[in-house]
Amino acid sequence: MAFQKLLKEMSPEKFADSAYFDRVFKGSFKEALESKLELDDVTKEQFDLVIQWIYAGSLKYDSPPEIAPSALLSKYITFTRLVDRFDLCGDIKPVYEEVLRIFSDNGHDVLTAEHIRDALKLPVGHDVRNAIVKNCAIIFLDDYQFRFEKELVEIQGFSNVLFLVLKACIQHSSGGIRGSLSYLVLSPSTVDVETRESHTPGD
């Protein structure tokens, strides 16, 4: 999709709020000469959010109040991926807090395989990625049958990071009867996903 009109309406100094746009439109690339950018995998709605973030530093969705929490979660994950892709300036902590609020208000049923797939494309240590993985761990511990078993095989890195979180949740100590062990299962929300995942050999 071409975003020629939107880009022409942007103040040139605003390109500095994105290292990506700054390089593309202030360099000697074709995009700079044509003031045009082709992004086949980005919708206009998604790109509107990028422009809104550059100018306002916040998000406001023009969505009806009855929008499904799962759909809203998809929007936030997609946006955080665009922030990373376009190297946008600004604190995305409010977006992360909105992700946590969705889980807090609606439970874990809002989580889908597509959310996991998209979140795992974020860099290791990203707050939104960590939030999705931790909620997957909660589902694993709570459900009789883990509903994302297929994704453990299909999504690269998912089984690895989920195992690391679950391993950190299960603490054991020696018991008093002939070396027996007692186990304490911690809440996945307390686990430091970033530290454990970033120190995994071959990650």
N, C-alpha and C. Protein backbone atom coordinates (compact mmCIF):
# COMPACT_ATOMS: atom_id res chain seq x y z
N MET A 1 0.84 -1.19 0.00
CA MET A 1 0.00 0.00 0.00
C MET A 1 0.88 1.24 0.00
N ALA A 2 0.51 2.23 -0.80
CA ALA A 2 1.27 3.48 -0.87
C ALA A 2 0.70 4.49 0.12
N PHE A 3 1.58 5.14 0.86
CA PHE A 3 1.14 6.12 1.85
C PHE A 3 1.66 7.50 1.48
N GLN A 4 1.54 7.82 0.19
CA GLN A 4 2.09 9.07 -0.32
C GLN A 4 1.40 10.29 0.31
N LYS A 5 0.06 10.29 0.37
CA LYS A 5 -0.67 11.44 0.90
C LYS A 5 -0.36 11.66 2.38
N LEU A 6 -0.38 10.59 3.16
CA LEU A 6 -0.11 10.71 4.58
C LEU A 6 1.29 11.25 4.83
N LEU A 7 2.26 10.76 4.07
CA LEU A 7 3.64 11.17 4.28
C LEU A 7 3.86 12.63 3.88
N LYS A 8 3.17 13.09 2.84
CA LYS A 8 3.31 14.48 2.44
C LYS A 8 2.74 15.43 3.48
N GLU A 9 1.74 14.94 4.24
CA GLU A 9 1.13 15.78 5.26
C GLU A 9 1.96 15.84 6.54
N MET A 10 2.94 14.98 6.66
CA MET A 10 3.79 14.98 7.85
C MET A 10 4.82 16.09 7.78
N SER A 11 5.06 16.73 8.92
CA SER A 11 6.12 17.72 8.98
C SER A 11 7.45 17.02 8.85
N PRO A 12 8.36 17.56 8.03
CA PRO A 12 9.66 16.89 7.82
C PRO A 12 10.40 16.61 9.12
N GLU A 13 10.30 17.54 10.09
CA GLU A 13 11.03 17.33 11.33
C GLU A 13 10.49 16.14 12.12
N LYS A 14 9.25 15.74 11.81
CA LYS A 14 8.66 14.61 12.52
C LYS A 14 9.29 13.28 12.10
N PHE A 15 9.97 13.27 10.96
CA PHE A 15 10.65 12.04 10.54
C PHE A 15 11.71 11.63 11.55
N ALA A 16 12.23 12.59 12.29
CA ALA A 16 13.26 12.28 13.28
C ALA A 16 12.72 11.45 14.43
N ASP A 17 11.38 11.42 14.58
CA ASP A 17 10.77 10.61 15.63
C ASP A 17 10.74 9.13 15.27
N SER A 18 11.19 8.81 14.08
CA SER A 18 11.32 7.43 13.64
C SER A 18 12.65 7.30 12.92
N ALA A 19 13.55 6.51 13.48
CA ALA A 19 14.85 6.33 12.84
C ALA A 19 14.67 5.72 11.45
N TYR A 20 13.65 4.89 11.29
CA TYR A 20 13.37 4.25 10.00
C TYR A 20 13.00 5.30 8.95
N PHE A 21 12.00 6.13 9.26
CA PHE A 21 11.58 7.16 8.31
C PHE A 21 12.67 8.19 8.08
N ASP A 22 13.41 8.49 9.12
CA ASP A 22 14.49 9.48 9.00
C ASP A 22 15.52 9.02 7.98
N ARG A 23 15.88 7.73 8.04
CA ARG A 23 16.86 7.19 7.09
C ARG A 23 16.30 7.15 5.67
N VAL A 24 15.04 6.71 5.56
CA VAL A 24 14.44 6.53 4.23
C VAL A 24 14.20 7.85 3.51
N PHE A 25 13.65 8.84 4.22
CA PHE A 25 13.21 10.06 3.55
C PHE A 25 14.22 11.21 3.60
N LYS A 26 15.29 11.03 4.33
CA LYS A 26 16.33 12.06 4.34
C LYS A 26 17.60 11.57 3.65
N GLY A 27 17.53 10.39 3.10
CA GLY A 27 18.68 9.84 2.39
C GLY A 27 18.53 10.02 0.89
N SER A 28 19.26 9.23 0.15
CA SER A 28 19.23 9.34 -1.31
C SER A 28 18.42 8.21 -1.94
N PHE A 29 17.50 7.65 -1.16
CA PHE A 29 16.69 6.55 -1.65
C PHE A 29 15.57 7.05 -2.56
N LYS A 30 15.02 6.13 -3.33
CA LYS A 30 13.91 6.46 -4.22
C LYS A 30 12.73 7.04 -3.45
N GLU A 31 12.48 6.50 -2.24
CA GLU A 31 11.36 6.98 -1.43
C GLU A 31 11.49 8.46 -1.11
N ALA A 32 12.73 8.92 -0.89
CA ALA A 32 12.94 10.34 -0.57
C ALA A 32 12.65 11.21 -1.78
N LEU A 33 13.02 10.75 -2.96
CA LEU A 33 12.80 11.53 -4.18
C LEU A 33 11.32 11.59 -4.54
N GLU A 34 10.60 10.50 -4.28
CA GLU A 34 9.19 10.44 -4.66
C GLU A 34 8.25 10.80 -3.52
N SER A 35 8.79 10.96 -2.29
CA SER A 35 7.96 11.16 -1.09
C SER A 35 6.87 10.09 -1.03
N LYS A 36 7.28 8.87 -1.26
CA LYS A 36 6.33 7.77 -1.34
C LYS A 36 6.94 6.52 -0.73
N LEU A 37 6.11 5.78 -0.01
CA LEU A 37 6.59 4.55 0.63
C LEU A 37 5.60 3.43 0.36
N GLU A 38 6.10 2.31 -0.10
CA GLU A 38 5.27 1.14 -0.37
C GLU A 38 5.45 0.13 0.77
N LEU A 39 4.35 -0.18 1.46
CA LEU A 39 4.37 -1.17 2.54
C LEU A 39 3.22 -2.14 2.29
N ASP A 40 3.52 -3.22 1.62
CA ASP A 40 2.47 -4.15 1.19
C ASP A 40 1.82 -4.89 2.36
N ASP A 41 2.52 -4.98 3.48
CA ASP A 41 2.01 -5.77 4.59
C ASP A 41 1.42 -4.91 5.71
N VAL A 42 1.19 -3.63 5.46
CA VAL A 42 0.65 -2.73 6.47
C VAL A 42 -0.65 -2.11 5.94
N THR A 43 -1.71 -2.17 6.74
CA THR A 43 -2.98 -1.58 6.33
C THR A 43 -3.00 -0.09 6.65
N LYS A 44 -3.94 0.62 6.04
CA LYS A 44 -4.06 2.05 6.30
C LYS A 44 -4.38 2.30 7.77
N GLU A 45 -5.25 1.48 8.36
CA GLU A 45 -5.60 1.64 9.77
C GLU A 45 -4.37 1.52 10.65
N GLN A 46 -3.52 0.55 10.36
CA GLN A 46 -2.31 0.37 11.14
C GLN A 46 -1.36 1.54 10.98
N PHE A 47 -1.22 2.02 9.74
CA PHE A 47 -0.30 3.12 9.50
C PHE A 47 -0.83 4.42 10.10
N ASP A 48 -2.15 4.58 10.13
CA ASP A 48 -2.74 5.75 10.79
C ASP A 48 -2.32 5.80 12.26
N LEU A 49 -2.22 4.64 12.89
CA LEU A 49 -1.80 4.58 14.29
C LEU A 49 -0.35 5.02 14.44
N VAL A 50 0.49 4.65 13.47
CA VAL A 50 1.89 5.07 13.49
C VAL A 50 1.98 6.59 13.42
N ILE A 51 1.23 7.19 12.48
CA ILE A 51 1.23 8.65 12.34
C ILE A 51 0.71 9.31 13.60
N GLN A 52 -0.36 8.74 14.17
CA GLN A 52 -0.93 9.28 15.40
C GLN A 52 0.09 9.24 16.53
N TRP A 53 0.83 8.15 16.60
CA TRP A 53 1.83 8.01 17.66
C TRP A 53 2.95 9.04 17.49
N ILE A 54 3.38 9.24 16.26
CA ILE A 54 4.46 10.19 16.00
C ILE A 54 4.05 11.60 16.43
N TYR A 55 2.81 11.96 16.17
CA TYR A 55 2.34 13.31 16.48
C TYR A 55 1.88 13.48 17.93
N ALA A 56 1.14 12.48 18.43
CA ALA A 56 0.52 12.63 19.74
C ALA A 56 1.21 11.84 20.85
N GLY A 57 1.99 10.82 20.47
CA GLY A 57 2.64 10.01 21.48
C GLY A 57 1.68 9.12 22.25
N SER A 58 0.50 8.90 21.68
CA SER A 58 -0.50 8.05 22.33
C SER A 58 -1.40 7.45 21.25
N LEU A 59 -2.26 6.54 21.67
CA LEU A 59 -3.17 5.87 20.74
C LEU A 59 -4.62 6.16 21.12
N LYS A 60 -5.44 6.32 20.11
CA LYS A 60 -6.88 6.43 20.32
C LYS A 60 -7.56 5.73 19.16
N TYR A 61 -8.24 4.65 19.48
CA TYR A 61 -8.89 3.87 18.43
C TYR A 61 -10.28 4.40 18.16
N ASP A 62 -10.57 4.60 16.89
CA ASP A 62 -11.92 4.99 16.48
C ASP A 62 -12.75 3.73 16.30
N SER A 63 -12.90 3.00 17.38
CA SER A 63 -13.62 1.72 17.34
C SER A 63 -14.86 1.81 18.21
N PRO A 64 -15.90 1.06 17.89
CA PRO A 64 -17.10 1.07 18.72
C PRO A 64 -16.82 0.50 20.10
N PRO A 65 -17.56 0.92 21.11
CA PRO A 65 -17.33 0.44 22.48
C PRO A 65 -17.43 -1.07 22.60
N GLU A 66 -18.21 -1.69 21.71
CA GLU A 66 -18.43 -3.13 21.82
C GLU A 66 -17.34 -3.95 21.14
N ILE A 67 -16.23 -3.35 20.77
CA ILE A 67 -15.15 -4.09 20.14
C ILE A 67 -14.70 -5.21 21.07
N ALA A 68 -14.50 -6.38 20.52
CA ALA A 68 -14.12 -7.54 21.31
C ALA A 68 -12.73 -7.34 21.92
N PRO A 69 -12.55 -7.72 23.18
CA PRO A 69 -11.24 -7.58 23.82
C PRO A 69 -10.13 -8.28 23.04
N SER A 70 -10.46 -9.43 22.44
CA SER A 70 -9.47 -10.16 21.66
C SER A 70 -9.01 -9.35 20.46
N ALA A 71 -9.95 -8.65 19.82
CA ALA A 71 -9.61 -7.81 18.67
C ALA A 71 -8.77 -6.61 19.10
N LEU A 72 -9.09 -6.05 20.26
CA LEU A 72 -8.32 -4.93 20.78
C LEU A 72 -6.90 -5.36 21.12
N LEU A 73 -6.78 -6.56 21.68
CA LEU A 73 -5.45 -7.10 21.99
C LEU A 73 -4.64 -7.26 20.71
N SER A 74 -5.28 -7.71 19.64
CA SER A 74 -4.60 -7.84 18.35
C SER A 74 -4.07 -6.49 17.87
N LYS A 75 -4.86 -5.45 18.04
CA LYS A 75 -4.44 -4.11 17.62
C LYS A 75 -3.21 -3.66 18.39
N TYR A 76 -3.20 -3.90 19.69
CA TYR A 76 -2.06 -3.47 20.51
C TYR A 76 -0.79 -4.24 20.15
N ILE A 77 -0.92 -5.54 19.92
CA ILE A 77 0.25 -6.33 19.55
C ILE A 77 0.78 -5.89 18.19
N THR A 78 -0.13 -5.69 17.24
CA THR A 78 0.28 -5.23 15.91
C THR A 78 0.98 -3.89 16.00
N PHE A 79 0.43 -2.99 16.81
CA PHE A 79 1.04 -1.67 16.93
C PHE A 79 2.44 -1.75 17.52
N THR A 80 2.63 -2.56 18.55
CA THR A 80 3.95 -2.66 19.16
C THR A 80 4.96 -3.23 18.18
N ARG A 81 4.51 -4.09 17.29
CA ARG A 81 5.41 -4.60 16.25
C ARG A 81 5.80 -3.49 15.27
N LEU A 82 4.85 -2.61 14.96
CA LEU A 82 5.15 -1.48 14.08
C LEU A 82 6.10 -0.50 14.76
N VAL A 83 5.93 -0.29 16.06
CA VAL A 83 6.84 0.58 16.81
C VAL A 83 8.26 0.05 16.70
N ASP A 84 8.40 -1.26 16.86
CA ASP A 84 9.73 -1.87 16.76
C ASP A 84 10.26 -1.81 15.33
N ARG A 85 9.41 -2.08 14.37
CA ARG A 85 9.83 -2.10 12.97
C ARG A 85 10.29 -0.73 12.49
N PHE A 86 9.51 0.31 12.84
CA PHE A 86 9.82 1.65 12.37
C PHE A 86 10.69 2.44 13.35
N ASP A 87 11.08 1.77 14.43
CA ASP A 87 11.98 2.39 15.42
C ASP A 87 11.42 3.73 15.88
N LEU A 88 10.18 3.72 16.35
CA LEU A 88 9.51 4.94 16.77
C LEU A 88 9.96 5.37 18.15
N CYS A 89 10.05 6.67 18.36
CA CYS A 89 10.37 7.21 19.67
C CYS A 89 9.12 7.18 20.54
N GLY A 90 9.34 7.28 21.84
CA GLY A 90 8.21 7.35 22.76
C GLY A 90 8.14 6.16 23.69
N ASP A 91 7.47 6.36 24.81
CA ASP A 91 7.33 5.34 25.83
C ASP A 91 6.07 4.52 25.55
N ILE A 92 6.24 3.24 25.28
CA ILE A 92 5.08 2.39 24.98
C ILE A 92 4.53 1.70 26.24
N LYS A 93 4.99 2.12 27.41
CA LYS A 93 4.49 1.52 28.64
C LYS A 93 2.96 1.59 28.74
N PRO A 94 2.31 2.72 28.35
CA PRO A 94 0.84 2.75 28.40
C PRO A 94 0.20 1.66 27.54
N VAL A 95 0.82 1.32 26.42
CA VAL A 95 0.29 0.25 25.57
C VAL A 95 0.41 -1.09 26.28
N TYR A 96 1.56 -1.31 26.90
CA TYR A 96 1.79 -2.53 27.67
C TYR A 96 0.77 -2.64 28.81
N GLU A 97 0.50 -1.52 29.47
CA GLU A 97 -0.47 -1.53 30.57
C GLU A 97 -1.88 -1.84 30.07
N GLU A 98 -2.19 -1.40 28.85
CA GLU A 98 -3.49 -1.72 28.27
C GLU A 98 -3.60 -3.22 27.98
N VAL A 99 -2.50 -3.82 27.56
CA VAL A 99 -2.49 -5.27 27.33
C VAL A 99 -2.76 -6.01 28.64
N LEU A 100 -2.10 -5.58 29.71
CA LEU A 100 -2.33 -6.20 31.02
C LEU A 100 -3.78 -6.00 31.48
N ARG A 101 -4.32 -4.82 31.20
CA ARG A 101 -5.70 -4.52 31.61
C ARG A 101 -6.69 -5.44 30.89
N ILE A 102 -6.43 -5.72 29.62
CA ILE A 102 -7.32 -6.61 28.86
C ILE A 102 -7.38 -7.99 29.52
N PHE A 103 -6.23 -8.51 29.93
CA PHE A 103 -6.21 -9.82 30.60
C PHE A 103 -6.87 -9.74 31.97
N SER A 104 -6.61 -8.65 32.68
CA SER A 104 -7.17 -8.48 34.02
C SER A 104 -8.69 -8.40 33.98
N ASP A 105 -9.22 -7.70 32.99
CA ASP A 105 -10.67 -7.48 32.90
C ASP A 105 -11.42 -8.65 32.27
N ASN A 106 -10.73 -9.41 31.41
CA ASN A 106 -11.45 -10.40 30.60
C ASN A 106 -10.96 -11.84 30.77
N GLY A 107 -9.90 -12.03 31.53
CA GLY A 107 -9.37 -13.38 31.69
C GLY A 107 -8.52 -13.81 30.50
N HIS A 108 -8.16 -15.08 30.48
CA HIS A 108 -7.21 -15.57 29.47
C HIS A 108 -7.88 -16.14 28.23
N ASP A 109 -9.20 -16.18 28.24
CA ASP A 109 -9.91 -16.70 27.06
C ASP A 109 -9.74 -15.79 25.85
N VAL A 110 -9.33 -14.54 26.08
CA VAL A 110 -9.16 -13.60 24.95
C VAL A 110 -7.94 -13.96 24.11
N LEU A 111 -7.03 -14.74 24.67
CA LEU A 111 -5.78 -15.05 23.99
C LEU A 111 -5.99 -16.07 22.88
N THR A 112 -5.44 -15.77 21.70
CA THR A 112 -5.56 -16.67 20.55
C THR A 112 -4.18 -17.09 20.05
N ALA A 113 -4.18 -18.07 19.19
CA ALA A 113 -2.92 -18.53 18.59
C ALA A 113 -2.27 -17.41 17.78
N GLU A 114 -3.08 -16.59 17.13
CA GLU A 114 -2.53 -15.49 16.34
C GLU A 114 -1.83 -14.46 17.21
N HIS A 115 -2.36 -14.22 18.40
CA HIS A 115 -1.70 -13.32 19.34
C HIS A 115 -0.30 -13.84 19.68
N ILE A 116 -0.22 -15.13 19.95
CA ILE A 116 1.07 -15.73 20.29
C ILE A 116 2.03 -15.63 19.12
N ARG A 117 1.53 -15.95 17.95
CA ARG A 117 2.35 -15.93 16.74
C ARG A 117 2.94 -14.53 16.51
N ASP A 118 2.10 -13.50 16.66
CA ASP A 118 2.56 -12.13 16.43
C ASP A 118 3.48 -11.64 17.55
N ALA A 119 3.14 -11.96 18.79
CA ALA A 119 3.94 -11.50 19.92
C ALA A 119 5.34 -12.10 19.91
N LEU A 120 5.46 -13.36 19.47
CA LEU A 120 6.77 -14.01 19.43
C LEU A 120 7.67 -13.41 18.36
N LYS A 121 7.14 -12.56 17.49
CA LYS A 121 7.95 -11.86 16.50
C LYS A 121 8.59 -10.60 17.08
N LEU A 122 8.15 -10.21 18.27
CA LEU A 122 8.76 -9.06 18.95
C LEU A 122 10.11 -9.48 19.53
N PRO A 123 11.01 -8.53 19.78
CA PRO A 123 12.33 -8.88 20.31
C PRO A 123 12.25 -9.53 21.68
N VAL A 124 13.22 -10.37 21.98
CA VAL A 124 13.33 -10.96 23.31
C VAL A 124 13.41 -9.84 24.34
N GLY A 125 12.60 -9.97 25.39
CA GLY A 125 12.61 -8.96 26.44
C GLY A 125 11.55 -7.89 26.29
N HIS A 126 10.86 -7.86 25.15
CA HIS A 126 9.82 -6.85 24.95
C HIS A 126 8.69 -7.09 25.95
N ASP A 127 8.20 -6.02 26.58
CA ASP A 127 7.19 -6.15 27.63
C ASP A 127 5.92 -6.85 27.13
N VAL A 128 5.47 -6.50 25.94
CA VAL A 128 4.24 -7.10 25.42
C VAL A 128 4.45 -8.58 25.11
N ARG A 129 5.60 -8.90 24.55
CA ARG A 129 5.94 -10.32 24.31
C ARG A 129 5.93 -11.09 25.62
N ASN A 130 6.56 -10.53 26.64
CA ASN A 130 6.62 -11.19 27.94
C ASN A 130 5.22 -11.40 28.53
N ALA A 131 4.36 -10.39 28.38
CA ALA A 131 3.01 -10.49 28.92
C ALA A 131 2.24 -11.63 28.27
N ILE A 132 2.40 -11.79 26.96
CA ILE A 132 1.70 -12.87 26.26
C ILE A 132 2.22 -14.23 26.71
N VAL A 133 3.54 -14.35 26.82
CA VAL A 133 4.14 -15.63 27.23
C VAL A 133 3.72 -16.00 28.65
N LYS A 134 3.72 -15.03 29.54
CA LYS A 134 3.33 -15.30 30.93
C LYS A 134 1.88 -15.76 31.01
N ASN A 135 1.02 -15.16 30.21
CA ASN A 135 -0.38 -15.58 30.23
C ASN A 135 -0.55 -16.97 29.62
N CYS A 136 0.30 -17.32 28.67
CA CYS A 136 0.30 -18.69 28.14
C CYS A 136 0.68 -19.68 29.24
N ALA A 137 1.64 -19.30 30.07
CA ALA A 137 2.06 -20.17 31.17
C ALA A 137 0.94 -20.34 32.19
N ILE A 138 0.22 -19.27 32.45
CA ILE A 138 -0.92 -19.36 33.38
C ILE A 138 -1.97 -20.32 32.83
N ILE A 139 -2.24 -20.22 31.54
CA ILE A 139 -3.20 -21.12 30.90
C ILE A 139 -2.72 -22.57 31.00
N PHE A 140 -1.43 -22.78 30.77
CA PHE A 140 -0.86 -24.13 30.83
C PHE A 140 -1.06 -24.74 32.22
N LEU A 141 -0.83 -23.94 33.25
CA LEU A 141 -0.95 -24.43 34.63
C LEU A 141 -2.40 -24.62 35.06
N ASP A 142 -3.29 -23.84 34.48
CA ASP A 142 -4.70 -23.87 34.91
C ASP A 142 -5.55 -24.88 34.14
N ASP A 143 -5.22 -25.10 32.87
CA ASP A 143 -6.07 -25.93 32.02
C ASP A 143 -5.71 -27.41 32.12
N TYR A 144 -6.74 -28.23 32.05
CA TYR A 144 -6.51 -29.68 32.04
C TYR A 144 -5.79 -30.09 30.77
N GLN A 145 -6.18 -29.49 29.66
CA GLN A 145 -5.52 -29.74 28.38
C GLN A 145 -5.14 -28.40 27.76
N PHE A 146 -3.85 -28.19 27.58
CA PHE A 146 -3.34 -26.92 27.05
C PHE A 146 -3.87 -26.71 25.63
N ARG A 147 -4.56 -25.62 25.41
CA ARG A 147 -5.22 -25.43 24.12
C ARG A 147 -4.29 -24.94 23.01
N PHE A 148 -3.04 -24.67 23.37
CA PHE A 148 -2.09 -24.21 22.36
C PHE A 148 -0.99 -25.25 22.10
N GLU A 149 -1.34 -26.53 22.23
CA GLU A 149 -0.36 -27.59 22.00
C GLU A 149 0.17 -27.56 20.57
N LYS A 150 -0.70 -27.34 19.62
CA LYS A 150 -0.27 -27.31 18.21
C LYS A 150 0.72 -26.17 17.98
N GLU A 151 0.49 -25.04 18.63
CA GLU A 151 1.37 -23.88 18.46
C GLU A 151 2.75 -24.12 19.06
N LEU A 152 2.85 -25.01 20.03
CA LEU A 152 4.15 -25.34 20.60
C LEU A 152 5.09 -25.90 19.53
N VAL A 153 4.51 -26.58 18.56
CA VAL A 153 5.28 -27.16 17.46
C VAL A 153 5.43 -26.17 16.31
N GLU A 154 4.38 -25.44 16.03
CA GLU A 154 4.34 -24.61 14.83
C GLU A 154 5.05 -23.26 14.98
N ILE A 155 5.02 -22.67 16.17
CA ILE A 155 5.57 -21.32 16.36
C ILE A 155 7.00 -21.41 16.88
N GLN A 156 7.93 -20.94 16.10
CA GLN A 156 9.34 -21.03 16.47
C GLN A 156 9.62 -20.28 17.77
N GLY A 157 10.27 -20.96 18.69
CA GLY A 157 10.67 -20.36 19.95
C GLY A 157 9.63 -20.40 21.04
N PHE A 158 8.39 -20.75 20.70
CA PHE A 158 7.32 -20.73 21.69
C PHE A 158 7.52 -21.78 22.77
N SER A 159 7.80 -23.01 22.37
CA SER A 159 7.97 -24.07 23.36
C SER A 159 9.16 -23.78 24.27
N ASN A 160 10.21 -23.19 23.71
CA ASN A 160 11.41 -22.90 24.48
C ASN A 160 11.14 -21.88 25.59
N VAL A 161 10.54 -20.75 25.22
CA VAL A 161 10.32 -19.70 26.21
C VAL A 161 9.25 -20.11 27.21
N LEU A 162 8.24 -20.87 26.77
CA LEU A 162 7.22 -21.33 27.70
C LEU A 162 7.83 -22.29 28.72
N PHE A 163 8.71 -23.16 28.26
CA PHE A 163 9.39 -24.08 29.18
C PHE A 163 10.21 -23.31 30.21
N LEU A 164 10.91 -22.27 29.77
CA LEU A 164 11.74 -21.49 30.69
C LEU A 164 10.89 -20.83 31.77
N VAL A 165 9.74 -20.31 31.38
CA VAL A 165 8.85 -19.67 32.35
C VAL A 165 8.30 -20.70 33.33
N LEU A 166 7.84 -21.84 32.82
CA LEU A 166 7.29 -22.88 33.68
C LEU A 166 8.35 -23.44 34.62
N LYS A 167 9.56 -23.61 34.11
CA LYS A 167 10.65 -24.11 34.94
C LYS A 167 10.93 -23.16 36.10
N ALA A 168 10.87 -21.87 35.81
CA ALA A 168 11.12 -20.87 36.85
C ALA A 168 9.99 -20.83 37.87
N CYS A 169 8.80 -21.22 37.44
CA CYS A 169 7.64 -21.20 38.34
C CYS A 169 7.67 -22.32 39.36
N ILE A 170 8.30 -23.43 38.99
CA ILE A 170 8.28 -24.61 39.85
C ILE A 170 9.56 -24.68 40.67
N GLN A 171 9.45 -24.38 41.93
CA GLN A 171 10.60 -24.43 42.83
C GLN A 171 10.45 -25.65 43.74
N HIS A 172 11.57 -26.31 43.98
CA HIS A 172 11.50 -27.48 44.85
C HIS A 172 12.56 -27.40 45.94
N SER A 173 12.30 -28.08 47.03
CA SER A 173 13.25 -28.14 48.14
C SER A 173 13.18 -29.53 48.75
N SER A 174 14.25 -29.92 49.44
CA SER A 174 14.30 -31.25 50.05
C SER A 174 13.32 -31.35 51.20
N GLY A 175 12.61 -32.46 51.23
CA GLY A 175 11.67 -32.69 52.31
C GLY A 175 12.33 -33.40 53.47
N GLY A 176 11.55 -33.69 54.49
CA GLY A 176 12.13 -34.30 55.68
C GLY A 176 12.10 -35.81 55.67
N ILE A 177 11.50 -36.42 54.67
CA ILE A 177 11.36 -37.88 54.67
C ILE A 177 12.24 -38.47 53.58
N ARG A 178 13.43 -38.93 53.98
CA ARG A 178 14.35 -39.63 53.08
C ARG A 178 14.54 -38.91 51.74
N GLY A 179 14.83 -37.67 51.83
CA GLY A 179 15.16 -36.91 50.63
C GLY A 179 14.00 -36.61 49.71
N SER A 180 12.79 -36.76 50.21
CA SER A 180 11.64 -36.44 49.36
C SER A 180 11.62 -34.95 49.04
N LEU A 181 10.98 -34.59 47.95
CA LEU A 181 10.95 -33.20 47.50
C LEU A 181 9.57 -32.61 47.69
N SER A 182 9.55 -31.34 48.04
CA SER A 182 8.29 -30.60 48.07
C SER A 182 8.37 -29.52 47.00
N TYR A 183 7.24 -29.20 46.42
CA TYR A 183 7.22 -28.27 45.29
C TYR A 183 6.36 -27.06 45.60
N LEU A 184 6.82 -25.93 45.11
CA LEU A 184 6.07 -24.69 45.21
C LEU A 184 5.93 -24.11 43.81
N VAL A 185 4.71 -23.91 43.37
CA VAL A 185 4.47 -23.36 42.03
C VAL A 185 4.16 -21.87 42.16
N LEU A 186 5.05 -21.06 41.61
CA LEU A 186 4.88 -19.61 41.65
C LEU A 186 4.00 -19.14 40.50
N SER A 187 3.46 -17.97 40.65
CA SER A 187 2.67 -17.39 39.55
C SER A 187 3.60 -16.99 38.42
N PRO A 188 3.27 -17.33 37.17
CA PRO A 188 4.10 -16.93 36.03
C PRO A 188 4.29 -15.42 35.93
N SER A 189 3.36 -14.66 36.50
CA SER A 189 3.46 -13.20 36.42
C SER A 189 4.66 -12.67 37.19
N THR A 190 5.24 -13.49 38.08
CA THR A 190 6.39 -13.05 38.88
C THR A 190 7.73 -13.41 38.24
N VAL A 191 7.70 -14.13 37.14
CA VAL A 191 8.93 -14.64 36.52
C VAL A 191 9.57 -13.60 35.62
N ASP A 192 10.89 -13.50 35.68
CA ASP A 192 11.64 -12.59 34.81
C ASP A 192 11.92 -13.30 33.49
N VAL A 193 11.03 -13.13 32.53
CA VAL A 193 11.17 -13.82 31.24
C VAL A 193 12.40 -13.34 30.49
N GLU A 194 12.63 -12.04 30.50
CA GLU A 194 13.71 -11.46 29.70
C GLU A 194 15.06 -12.04 30.08
N THR A 195 15.37 -12.07 31.39
CA THR A 195 16.66 -12.55 31.84
C THR A 195 16.87 -14.01 31.44
N ARG A 196 15.88 -14.83 31.65
CA ARG A 196 16.01 -16.26 31.38
C ARG A 196 16.12 -16.54 29.88
N GLU A 197 15.32 -15.84 29.09
CA GLU A 197 15.32 -16.11 27.65
C GLU A 197 16.58 -15.59 26.99
N SER A 198 17.06 -14.42 27.42
CA SER A 198 18.23 -13.81 26.79
C SER A 198 19.51 -14.56 27.10
N HIS A 199 19.50 -15.39 28.16
CA HIS A 199 20.69 -16.15 28.52
C HIS A 199 20.61 -17.61 28.07
N THR A 200 19.64 -17.91 27.22
CA THR A 200 19.52 -19.27 26.71
C THR A 200 20.48 -19.48 25.56
N PRO A 201 21.39 -20.48 25.63
CA PRO A 201 22.34 -20.72 24.54
C PRO A 201 21.62 -21.01 23.24
N GLY A 202 22.10 -20.40 22.17
CA GLY A 202 21.58 -20.67 20.85
C GLY A 202 20.28 -19.99 20.54
N ASP A 203 19.80 -19.09 21.40
CA ASP A 203 18.53 -18.40 21.16
C ASP A 203 18.66 -17.40 20.03
